[in-house]
PDB file of all heavy atoms in Angstrom:
ATOM      1  N   GLY A   1       4.920  10.327   9.231  1.00  0.00           N
ATOM      2  CA  GLY A   1       5.959   9.389   8.788  1.00  0.00           C
ATOM      3  C   GLY A   1       5.949   9.249   7.281  1.00  0.00           C
ATOM      4  O   GLY A   1       5.374  10.041   6.558  1.00  0.00           O
ATOM      5  N   GLU A   2       6.524   8.167   6.829  1.00  0.00           N
ATOM      6  CA  GLU A   2       6.554   7.953   5.372  1.00  0.00           C
ATOM      7  C   GLU A   2       6.282   6.491   5.143  1.00  0.00           C
ATOM      8  O   GLU A   2       6.394   5.640   6.047  1.00  0.00           O
ATOM      9  CB  GLU A   2       7.908   8.302   4.834  1.00  0.00           C
ATOM     10  CG  GLU A   2       9.069   7.555   5.449  1.00  0.00           C
ATOM     11  CD  GLU A   2      10.410   8.056   4.963  1.00  0.00           C
ATOM     12  OE1 GLU A   2      10.828   9.072   5.462  1.00  0.00           O
ATOM     13  OE2 GLU A   2      10.975   7.428   4.081  1.00  0.00           O
ATOM     14  N   GLY A   3       5.919   6.143   3.940  1.00  0.00           N
ATOM     15  CA  GLY A   3       5.695   4.756   3.576  1.00  0.00           C
ATOM     16  C   GLY A   3       4.557   4.134   4.326  1.00  0.00           C
ATOM     17  O   GLY A   3       4.660   3.003   4.823  1.00  0.00           O
ATOM     18  N   GLY A   4       3.446   4.855   4.474  1.00  0.00           N
ATOM     19  CA  GLY A   4       2.287   4.274   5.169  1.00  0.00           C
ATOM     20  C   GLY A   4       2.269   4.474   6.655  1.00  0.00           C
ATOM     21  O   GLY A   4       1.471   3.930   7.376  1.00  0.00           O
ATOM     22  N   ASP A   5       3.191   5.335   7.182  1.00  0.00           N
ATOM     23  CA  ASP A   5       3.237   5.560   8.608  1.00  0.00           C
ATOM     24  C   ASP A   5       2.714   6.921   9.021  1.00  0.00           C
ATOM     25  O   ASP A   5       3.027   7.422  10.058  1.00  0.00           O
ATOM     26  CB  ASP A   5       4.714   5.480   9.080  1.00  0.00           C
ATOM     27  CG  ASP A   5       5.212   4.045   9.004  1.00  0.00           C
ATOM     28  OD1 ASP A   5       4.466   3.171   9.421  1.00  0.00           O
ATOM     29  OD2 ASP A   5       6.312   3.845   8.472  1.00  0.00           O
ATOM     30  N   LYS A   6       1.916   7.533   8.172  1.00  0.00           N
ATOM     31  CA  LYS A   6       1.409   8.873   8.497  1.00  0.00           C
ATOM     32  C   LYS A   6       0.498   8.844   9.723  1.00  0.00           C
ATOM     33  O   LYS A   6      -0.384   8.000   9.836  1.00  0.00           O
ATOM     34  CB  LYS A   6       0.638   9.405   7.297  1.00  0.00           C
ATOM     35  CG  LYS A   6       0.096  10.822   7.482  1.00  0.00           C
ATOM     36  CD  LYS A   6      -0.559  11.332   6.260  1.00  0.00           C
ATOM     37  CE  LYS A   6      -1.096  12.752   6.437  1.00  0.00           C
ATOM     38  NZ  LYS A   6      -1.760  13.270   5.229  1.00  0.00           N
ATOM     39  N   LEU A   7       0.687   9.780  10.629  1.00  0.00           N
ATOM     40  CA  LEU A   7      -0.126   9.917  11.793  1.00  0.00           C
ATOM     41  C   LEU A   7      -1.111  11.049  11.632  1.00  0.00           C
ATOM     42  O   LEU A   7      -0.693  12.174  11.304  1.00  0.00           O
ATOM     43  CB  LEU A   7       0.747  10.181  13.077  1.00  0.00           C
ATOM     44  CG  LEU A   7       1.333   8.953  13.716  1.00  0.00           C
ATOM     45  CD1 LEU A   7       2.361   9.408  14.731  1.00  0.00           C
ATOM     46  CD2 LEU A   7       0.284   8.135  14.377  1.00  0.00           C
ATOM     47  N   THR A   8      -2.375  10.820  11.862  1.00  0.00           N
ATOM     48  CA  THR A   8      -3.376  11.896  11.835  1.00  0.00           C
ATOM     49  C   THR A   8      -3.386  12.568  13.170  1.00  0.00           C
ATOM     50  O   THR A   8      -2.679  12.205  14.113  1.00  0.00           O
ATOM     51  CB  THR A   8      -4.769  11.318  11.525  1.00  0.00           C
ATOM     52  OG1 THR A   8      -5.172  10.523  12.589  1.00  0.00           O
ATOM     53  CG2 THR A   8      -4.724  10.505  10.237  1.00  0.00           C
ATOM     54  N   LYS A   9      -4.276  13.578  13.340  1.00  0.00           N
ATOM     55  CA  LYS A   9      -4.411  14.309  14.598  1.00  0.00           C
ATOM     56  C   LYS A   9      -5.427  13.658  15.499  1.00  0.00           C
ATOM     57  O   LYS A   9      -5.942  14.293  16.406  1.00  0.00           O
ATOM     58  CB  LYS A   9      -4.755  15.775  14.323  1.00  0.00           C
ATOM     59  CG  LYS A   9      -3.622  16.493  13.600  1.00  0.00           C
ATOM     60  CD  LYS A   9      -3.993  17.974  13.455  1.00  0.00           C
ATOM     61  CE  LYS A   9      -2.867  18.727  12.771  1.00  0.00           C
ATOM     62  NZ  LYS A   9      -3.191  20.132  12.588  1.00  0.00           N
ATOM     63  N   LYS A  10      -5.702  12.375  15.282  1.00  0.00           N
ATOM     64  CA  LYS A  10      -6.593  11.664  16.216  1.00  0.00           C
ATOM     65  C   LYS A  10      -5.920  11.440  17.485  1.00  0.00           C
ATOM     66  O   LYS A  10      -4.716  11.537  17.634  1.00  0.00           O
ATOM     67  CB  LYS A  10      -7.009  10.333  15.590  1.00  0.00           C
ATOM     68  CG  LYS A  10      -7.828  10.437  14.346  1.00  0.00           C
ATOM     69  CD  LYS A  10      -8.191   9.074  13.842  1.00  0.00           C
ATOM     70  CE  LYS A  10      -8.999   9.127  12.520  1.00  0.00           C
ATOM     71  NZ  LYS A  10      -9.334   7.814  11.987  1.00  0.00           N
ATOM     72  N   LYS A  11      -6.710  11.102  18.544  1.00  0.00           N
ATOM     73  CA  LYS A  11      -6.098  10.752  19.793  1.00  0.00           C
ATOM     74  C   LYS A  11      -5.200   9.550  19.648  1.00  0.00           C
ATOM     75  O   LYS A  11      -5.431   8.668  18.794  1.00  0.00           O
ATOM     76  CB  LYS A  11      -7.181  10.454  20.796  1.00  0.00           C
ATOM     77  CG  LYS A  11      -8.056  11.607  21.165  1.00  0.00           C
ATOM     78  CD  LYS A  11      -9.155  11.222  22.174  1.00  0.00           C
ATOM     79  CE  LYS A  11     -10.067  12.396  22.491  1.00  0.00           C
ATOM     80  NZ  LYS A  11     -11.117  12.003  23.436  1.00  0.00           N
ATOM     81  N   LEU A  12      -4.177   9.494  20.466  1.00  0.00           N
ATOM     82  CA  LEU A  12      -3.254   8.362  20.350  1.00  0.00           C
ATOM     83  C   LEU A  12      -3.941   7.032  20.467  1.00  0.00           C
ATOM     84  O   LEU A  12      -3.566   6.055  19.835  1.00  0.00           O
ATOM     85  CB  LEU A  12      -2.150   8.490  21.437  1.00  0.00           C
ATOM     86  CG  LEU A  12      -1.042   9.485  21.141  1.00  0.00           C
ATOM     87  CD1 LEU A  12      -0.101   9.581  22.333  1.00  0.00           C
ATOM     88  CD2 LEU A  12      -0.313   9.155  19.876  1.00  0.00           C
ATOM     89  N   GLY A  13      -4.967   6.981  21.306  1.00  0.00           N
ATOM     90  CA  GLY A  13      -5.641   5.721  21.482  1.00  0.00           C
ATOM     91  C   GLY A  13      -6.393   5.263  20.277  1.00  0.00           C
ATOM     92  O   GLY A  13      -6.782   4.107  20.148  1.00  0.00           O
ATOM     93  N   GLU A  14      -6.630   6.186  19.290  1.00  0.00           N
ATOM     94  CA  GLU A  14      -7.349   5.810  18.073  1.00  0.00           C
ATOM     95  C   GLU A  14      -6.410   5.510  16.913  1.00  0.00           C
ATOM     96  O   GLU A  14      -6.833   5.155  15.846  1.00  0.00           O
ATOM     97  CB  GLU A  14      -8.274   6.973  17.653  1.00  0.00           C
ATOM     98  CG  GLU A  14      -9.324   7.292  18.734  1.00  0.00           C
ATOM     99  CD  GLU A  14     -10.099   8.505  18.365  1.00  0.00           C
ATOM    100  OE1 GLU A  14      -9.643   9.303  17.457  1.00  0.00           O
ATOM    101  OE2 GLU A  14     -11.157   8.747  18.981  1.00  0.00           O
ATOM    102  N   ILE A  15      -5.094   5.652  17.157  1.00  0.00           N
ATOM    103  CA  ILE A  15      -4.160   5.361  16.101  1.00  0.00           C
ATOM    104  C   ILE A  15      -4.159   3.902  15.777  1.00  0.00           C
ATOM    105  O   ILE A  15      -3.986   3.056  16.636  1.00  0.00           O
ATOM    106  CB  ILE A  15      -2.727   5.793  16.462  1.00  0.00           C
ATOM    107  CG1 ILE A  15      -2.700   7.311  16.672  1.00  0.00           C
ATOM    108  CG2 ILE A  15      -1.733   5.394  15.416  1.00  0.00           C
ATOM    109  CD1 ILE A  15      -1.351   7.827  17.138  1.00  0.00           C
ATOM    110  N   LYS A  16      -4.378   3.561  14.520  1.00  0.00           N
ATOM    111  CA  LYS A  16      -4.454   2.156  14.123  1.00  0.00           C
ATOM    112  C   LYS A  16      -3.074   1.555  13.945  1.00  0.00           C
ATOM    113  O   LYS A  16      -2.113   2.246  13.634  1.00  0.00           O
ATOM    114  CB  LYS A  16      -5.206   2.011  12.838  1.00  0.00           C
ATOM    115  CG  LYS A  16      -6.674   2.425  12.943  1.00  0.00           C
ATOM    116  CD  LYS A  16      -7.420   2.256  11.599  1.00  0.00           C
ATOM    117  CE  LYS A  16      -8.897   2.619  11.750  1.00  0.00           C
ATOM    118  NZ  LYS A  16      -9.591   2.468  10.484  1.00  0.00           N
ATOM    119  N   ASP A  17      -2.956   0.246  14.183  1.00  0.00           N
ATOM    120  CA  ASP A  17      -1.654  -0.445  14.010  1.00  0.00           C
ATOM    121  C   ASP A  17      -1.394  -0.583  12.527  1.00  0.00           C
ATOM    122  O   ASP A  17      -2.120  -1.266  11.826  1.00  0.00           O
ATOM    123  CB  ASP A  17      -1.706  -1.817  14.663  1.00  0.00           C
ATOM    124  CG  ASP A  17      -0.394  -2.534  14.556  1.00  0.00           C
ATOM    125  OD1 ASP A  17       0.558  -1.930  14.032  1.00  0.00           O
ATOM    126  OD2 ASP A  17      -0.347  -3.694  14.994  1.00  0.00           O
ATOM    127  N   LYS A  18      -0.374   0.099  12.058  1.00  0.00           N
ATOM    128  CA  LYS A  18      -0.048   0.072  10.624  1.00  0.00           C
ATOM    129  C   LYS A  18       1.182  -0.815  10.364  1.00  0.00           C
ATOM    130  O   LYS A  18       1.791  -0.695   9.297  1.00  0.00           O
ATOM    131  CB  LYS A  18       0.151   1.442  10.106  1.00  0.00           C
ATOM    132  CG  LYS A  18      -1.101   2.339  10.232  1.00  0.00           C
ATOM    133  CD  LYS A  18      -0.893   3.675   9.561  1.00  0.00           C
ATOM    134  CE  LYS A  18      -2.164   4.495   9.681  1.00  0.00           C
ATOM    135  NZ  LYS A  18      -2.041   5.769   8.971  1.00  0.00           N
ATOM    136  N   THR A  19       1.556  -1.658  11.330  1.00  0.00           N
ATOM    137  CA  THR A  19       2.721  -2.467  11.112  1.00  0.00           C
ATOM    138  C   THR A  19       2.443  -3.515  10.070  1.00  0.00           C
ATOM    139  O   THR A  19       3.362  -3.966   9.364  1.00  0.00           O
ATOM    140  CB  THR A  19       3.172  -3.126  12.378  1.00  0.00           C
ATOM    141  OG1 THR A  19       2.131  -3.931  12.901  1.00  0.00           O
ATOM    142  CG2 THR A  19       3.564  -2.075  13.449  1.00  0.00           C
ATOM    143  N   ILE A  20       1.238  -4.028   9.969  1.00  0.00           N
ATOM    144  CA  ILE A  20       0.937  -5.039   8.989  1.00  0.00           C
ATOM    145  C   ILE A  20       0.443  -4.376   7.724  1.00  0.00           C
ATOM    146  O   ILE A  20      -0.738  -4.115   7.527  1.00  0.00           O
ATOM    147  CB  ILE A  20      -0.154  -6.032   9.484  1.00  0.00           C
ATOM    148  CG1 ILE A  20       0.274  -6.617  10.852  1.00  0.00           C
ATOM    149  CG2 ILE A  20      -0.417  -7.103   8.493  1.00  0.00           C
ATOM    150  CD1 ILE A  20       1.550  -7.367  10.794  1.00  0.00           C
ATOM    151  N   SER A  21       1.348  -3.993   6.868  1.00  0.00           N
ATOM    152  CA  SER A  21       1.021  -3.323   5.644  1.00  0.00           C
ATOM    153  C   SER A  21       2.033  -3.721   4.591  1.00  0.00           C
ATOM    154  O   SER A  21       3.100  -4.217   4.942  1.00  0.00           O
ATOM    155  CB  SER A  21       1.010  -1.812   5.796  1.00  0.00           C
ATOM    156  OG  SER A  21       2.245  -1.354   6.233  1.00  0.00           O
ATOM    157  N   LEU A  22       1.697  -3.565   3.360  1.00  0.00           N
ATOM    158  CA  LEU A  22       2.526  -4.018   2.277  1.00  0.00           C
ATOM    159  C   LEU A  22       3.022  -2.833   1.457  1.00  0.00           C
ATOM    160  O   LEU A  22       2.370  -1.809   1.342  1.00  0.00           O
ATOM    161  CB  LEU A  22       1.718  -4.931   1.352  1.00  0.00           C
ATOM    162  CG  LEU A  22       1.151  -6.221   1.991  1.00  0.00           C
ATOM    163  CD1 LEU A  22       0.266  -6.954   1.044  1.00  0.00           C
ATOM    164  CD2 LEU A  22       2.290  -7.080   2.455  1.00  0.00           C
ATOM    165  N   ASP A  23       4.216  -2.991   0.929  1.00  0.00           N
ATOM    166  CA  ASP A  23       4.799  -1.969   0.059  1.00  0.00           C
ATOM    167  C   ASP A  23       4.727  -2.436  -1.374  1.00  0.00           C
ATOM    168  O   ASP A  23       4.702  -3.596  -1.678  1.00  0.00           O
ATOM    169  CB  ASP A  23       6.256  -1.700   0.444  1.00  0.00           C
ATOM    170  CG  ASP A  23       6.356  -0.911   1.730  1.00  0.00           C
ATOM    171  OD1 ASP A  23       5.323  -0.355   2.142  1.00  0.00           O
ATOM    172  OD2 ASP A  23       7.433  -0.890   2.310  1.00  0.00           O
ATOM    173  N   GLY A  24       4.657  -1.438  -2.268  1.00  0.00           N
ATOM    174  CA  GLY A  24       4.660  -1.732  -3.657  1.00  0.00           C
ATOM    175  C   GLY A  24       3.375  -2.289  -4.152  1.00  0.00           C
ATOM    176  O   GLY A  24       3.329  -2.970  -5.194  1.00  0.00           O
ATOM    177  N   GLU A  25       2.256  -2.062  -3.479  1.00  0.00           N
ATOM    178  CA  GLU A  25       0.991  -2.570  -3.936  1.00  0.00           C
ATOM    179  C   GLU A  25       0.447  -1.788  -5.128  1.00  0.00           C
ATOM    180  O   GLU A  25       0.552  -0.568  -5.142  1.00  0.00           O
ATOM    181  CB  GLU A  25      -0.082  -2.510  -2.823  1.00  0.00           C
ATOM    182  CG  GLU A  25       0.156  -3.581  -1.721  1.00  0.00           C
ATOM    183  CD  GLU A  25      -1.055  -3.624  -0.817  1.00  0.00           C
ATOM    184  OE1 GLU A  25      -1.124  -2.859   0.176  1.00  0.00           O
ATOM    185  OE2 GLU A  25      -1.943  -4.454  -1.102  1.00  0.00           O
ATOM    186  N   ASP A  26      -0.134  -2.470  -6.039  1.00  0.00           N
ATOM    187  CA  ASP A  26      -0.788  -1.828  -7.227  1.00  0.00           C
ATOM    188  C   ASP A  26      -2.259  -2.075  -7.070  1.00  0.00           C
ATOM    189  O   ASP A  26      -2.769  -3.145  -7.401  1.00  0.00           O
ATOM    190  CB  ASP A  26      -0.265  -2.419  -8.523  1.00  0.00           C
ATOM    191  CG  ASP A  26      -0.838  -1.732  -9.742  1.00  0.00           C
ATOM    192  OD1 ASP A  26      -1.723  -0.909  -9.588  1.00  0.00           O
ATOM    193  OD2 ASP A  26      -0.354  -2.035 -10.881  1.00  0.00           O
ATOM    194  N   ARG A  27      -3.008  -1.103  -6.532  1.00  0.00           N
ATOM    195  CA  ARG A  27      -4.389  -1.262  -6.239  1.00  0.00           C
ATOM    196  C   ARG A  27      -5.234  -1.496  -7.499  1.00  0.00           C
ATOM    197  O   ARG A  27      -6.289  -2.080  -7.477  1.00  0.00           O
ATOM    198  CB  ARG A  27      -4.939  -0.058  -5.500  1.00  0.00           C
ATOM    199  CG  ARG A  27      -4.328   0.118  -4.067  1.00  0.00           C
ATOM    200  CD  ARG A  27      -4.780  -0.986  -3.175  1.00  0.00           C
ATOM    201  NE  ARG A  27      -4.267  -0.802  -1.833  1.00  0.00           N
ATOM    202  CZ  ARG A  27      -4.423  -1.672  -0.851  1.00  0.00           C
ATOM    203  NH1 ARG A  27      -5.066  -2.763  -1.040  1.00  0.00           N
ATOM    204  NH2 ARG A  27      -3.972  -1.389   0.360  1.00  0.00           N
ATOM    205  N   SER A  28      -4.774  -0.972  -8.616  1.00  0.00           N
ATOM    206  CA  SER A  28      -5.516  -1.173  -9.868  1.00  0.00           C
ATOM    207  C   SER A  28      -5.366  -2.577 -10.393  1.00  0.00           C
ATOM    208  O   SER A  28      -6.155  -3.018 -11.227  1.00  0.00           O
ATOM    209  CB  SER A  28      -5.035  -0.171 -10.931  1.00  0.00           C
ATOM    210  OG  SER A  28      -3.711  -0.520 -11.332  1.00  0.00           O
ATOM    211  N   ARG A  29      -4.346  -3.320  -9.902  1.00  0.00           N
ATOM    212  CA  ARG A  29      -4.053  -4.703 -10.309  1.00  0.00           C
ATOM    213  C   ARG A  29      -3.796  -4.810 -11.830  1.00  0.00           C
ATOM    214  O   ARG A  29      -3.874  -5.888 -12.379  1.00  0.00           O
ATOM    215  CB  ARG A  29      -5.222  -5.622  -9.939  1.00  0.00           C
ATOM    216  CG  ARG A  29      -5.537  -5.593  -8.460  1.00  0.00           C
ATOM    217  CD  ARG A  29      -6.482  -6.697  -8.075  1.00  0.00           C
ATOM    218  NE  ARG A  29      -6.890  -6.531  -6.656  1.00  0.00           N
ATOM    219  CZ  ARG A  29      -7.660  -7.413  -6.004  1.00  0.00           C
ATOM    220  NH1 ARG A  29      -8.084  -8.500  -6.638  1.00  0.00           N
ATOM    221  NH2 ARG A  29      -7.975  -7.211  -4.782  1.00  0.00           N
ATOM    222  N   SER A  30      -3.457  -3.679 -12.461  1.00  0.00           N
ATOM    223  CA  SER A  30      -3.184  -3.752 -13.876  1.00  0.00           C
ATOM    224  C   SER A  30      -1.981  -4.599 -14.170  1.00  0.00           C
ATOM    225  O   SER A  30      -1.862  -5.177 -15.237  1.00  0.00           O
ATOM    226  CB  SER A  30      -3.012  -2.332 -14.447  1.00  0.00           C
ATOM    227  OG  SER A  30      -1.910  -1.706 -13.801  1.00  0.00           O
ATOM    228  N   GLN A  31      -1.047  -4.700 -13.163  1.00  0.00           N
ATOM    229  CA  GLN A  31       0.127  -5.449 -13.413  1.00  0.00           C
ATOM    230  C   GLN A  31      -0.103  -6.983 -13.286  1.00  0.00           C
ATOM    231  O   GLN A  31       0.758  -7.739 -13.586  1.00  0.00           O
ATOM    232  CB  GLN A  31       1.244  -5.052 -12.421  1.00  0.00           C
ATOM    233  CG  GLN A  31       1.709  -3.614 -12.630  1.00  0.00           C
ATOM    234  CD  GLN A  31       2.864  -3.280 -11.748  1.00  0.00           C
ATOM    235  OE1 GLN A  31       3.598  -4.121 -11.292  1.00  0.00           O
ATOM    236  NE2 GLN A  31       2.998  -2.007 -11.408  1.00  0.00           N
ATOM    237  N   ASP A  32      -1.323  -7.360 -12.820  1.00  0.00           N
ATOM    238  CA  ASP A  32      -1.589  -8.767 -12.693  1.00  0.00           C
ATOM    239  C   ASP A  32      -1.764  -9.396 -14.096  1.00  0.00           C
ATOM    240  O   ASP A  32      -1.692 -10.622 -14.253  1.00  0.00           O
ATOM    241  CB  ASP A  32      -2.889  -9.006 -11.913  1.00  0.00           C
ATOM    242  CG  ASP A  32      -2.675  -8.678 -10.429  1.00  0.00           C
ATOM    243  OD1 ASP A  32      -1.520  -8.581 -10.044  1.00  0.00           O
ATOM    244  OD2 ASP A  32      -3.673  -8.555  -9.701  1.00  0.00           O
ATOM    245  N   VAL A  33      -2.074  -8.560 -15.073  1.00  0.00           N
ATOM    246  CA  VAL A  33      -2.288  -9.078 -16.470  1.00  0.00           C
ATOM    247  C   VAL A  33      -1.037  -8.758 -17.284  1.00  0.00           C
ATOM    248  O   VAL A  33      -0.753  -7.608 -17.549  1.00  0.00           O
ATOM    249  CB  VAL A  33      -3.529  -8.418 -17.094  1.00  0.00           C
ATOM    250  CG1 VAL A  33      -3.771  -8.987 -18.491  1.00  0.00           C
ATOM    251  CG2 VAL A  33      -4.744  -8.634 -16.222  1.00  0.00           C
ATOM    252  N   PRO A  34      -0.286  -9.756 -17.678  1.00  0.00           N
ATOM    253  CA  PRO A  34       0.890  -9.503 -18.498  1.00  0.00           C
ATOM    254  C   PRO A  34       0.547  -8.944 -19.852  1.00  0.00           C
ATOM    255  O   PRO A  34      -0.528  -9.218 -20.416  1.00  0.00           O
ATOM    256  CB  PRO A  34       1.542 -10.886 -18.561  1.00  0.00           C
ATOM    257  CG  PRO A  34       0.439 -11.845 -18.403  1.00  0.00           C
ATOM    258  CD  PRO A  34      -0.538 -11.209 -17.475  1.00  0.00           C
ATOM    259  N   ALA A  35       1.446  -8.118 -20.340  1.00  0.00           N
ATOM    260  CA  ALA A  35       1.265  -7.562 -21.673  1.00  0.00           C
ATOM    261  C   ALA A  35       1.224  -8.680 -22.719  1.00  0.00           C
ATOM    262  O   ALA A  35       1.989  -9.595 -22.665  1.00  0.00           O
ATOM    263  CB  ALA A  35       2.356  -6.559 -22.014  1.00  0.00           C
ATOM    264  N   LYS A  36       0.265  -8.586 -23.654  1.00  0.00           N
ATOM    265  CA  LYS A  36       0.121  -9.612 -24.722  1.00  0.00           C
ATOM    266  C   LYS A  36       1.294  -9.536 -25.712  1.00  0.00           C
ATOM    267  O   LYS A  36       1.813  -8.453 -25.979  1.00  0.00           O
ATOM    268  CB  LYS A  36      -1.218  -9.412 -25.443  1.00  0.00           C
ATOM    269  CG  LYS A  36      -2.411  -9.669 -24.545  1.00  0.00           C
ATOM    270  CD  LYS A  36      -3.735  -9.515 -25.321  1.00  0.00           C
ATOM    271  CE  LYS A  36      -4.934  -9.773 -24.455  1.00  0.00           C
ATOM    272  NZ  LYS A  36      -6.211  -9.656 -25.183  1.00  0.00           N
ATOM    273  N   ARG A  37       1.611 -10.687 -26.239  1.00  0.00           N
ATOM    274  CA  ARG A  37       2.571 -10.820 -27.319  1.00  0.00           C
ATOM    275  C   ARG A  37       3.971 -10.288 -26.901  1.00  0.00           C
ATOM    276  O   ARG A  37       4.738  -9.906 -27.758  1.00  0.00           O
ATOM    277  CB  ARG A  37       2.128 -10.175 -28.584  1.00  0.00           C
ATOM    278  CG  ARG A  37       0.789 -10.675 -29.112  1.00  0.00           C
ATOM    279  CD  ARG A  37       0.477 -10.057 -30.487  1.00  0.00           C
ATOM    280  NE  ARG A  37      -0.839 -10.414 -30.926  1.00  0.00           N
ATOM    281  CZ  ARG A  37      -1.939  -9.707 -30.662  1.00  0.00           C
ATOM    282  NH1 ARG A  37      -1.828  -8.597 -29.899  1.00  0.00           N
ATOM    283  NH2 ARG A  37      -3.114 -10.075 -31.113  1.00  0.00           N
ATOM    284  N   LYS A  38       4.229 -10.139 -25.552  1.00  0.00           N
ATOM    285  CA  LYS A  38       5.491  -9.653 -25.113  1.00  0.00           C
ATOM    286  C   LYS A  38       5.974 -10.390 -23.876  1.00  0.00           C
ATOM    287  O   LYS A  38       5.274 -10.494 -22.901  1.00  0.00           O
ATOM    288  CB  LYS A  38       5.413  -8.128 -24.746  1.00  0.00           C
ATOM    289  CG  LYS A  38       6.742  -7.502 -24.388  1.00  0.00           C
ATOM    290  CD  LYS A  38       6.563  -6.043 -24.081  1.00  0.00           C
ATOM    291  CE  LYS A  38       7.918  -5.405 -23.683  1.00  0.00           C
ATOM    292  NZ  LYS A  38       7.771  -3.959 -23.337  1.00  0.00           N
ATOM    293  N   ALA A  39       7.153 -10.934 -23.932  1.00  0.00           N
ATOM    294  CA  ALA A  39       7.687 -11.685 -22.798  1.00  0.00           C
ATOM    295  C   ALA A  39       8.006 -10.767 -21.655  1.00  0.00           C
ATOM    296  O   ALA A  39       8.463  -9.632 -21.858  1.00  0.00           O
ATOM    297  CB  ALA A  39       8.968 -12.441 -23.224  1.00  0.00           C
ATOM    298  N   LEU A  40       7.764 -11.272 -20.439  1.00  0.00           N
ATOM    299  CA  LEU A  40       8.023 -10.416 -19.277  1.00  0.00           C
ATOM    300  C   LEU A  40       9.521 -10.452 -18.955  1.00  0.00           C
ATOM    301  O   LEU A  40      10.214 -11.473 -19.083  1.00  0.00           O
ATOM    302  CB  LEU A  40       7.294 -10.996 -18.052  1.00  0.00           C
ATOM    303  CG  LEU A  40       5.748 -10.978 -18.115  1.00  0.00           C
ATOM    304  CD1 LEU A  40       5.183 -11.641 -16.868  1.00  0.00           C
ATOM    305  CD2 LEU A  40       5.263  -9.553 -18.209  1.00  0.00           C
TER     306      LEU A  40
END
C-alpha cells in the first residue's frame, strides 16, 4: 500500500493494525523549534 499501509510477507495473522497512525510526522522534531528572529 501507500502512506504507511505497506504489507510485508508475514502471515496474515501477524499483520499489525496500522489504522492508528499519523501522517506528516517529523520524527526529528526539528519543526518543533521555530526559527529564531523570524515570524512563522
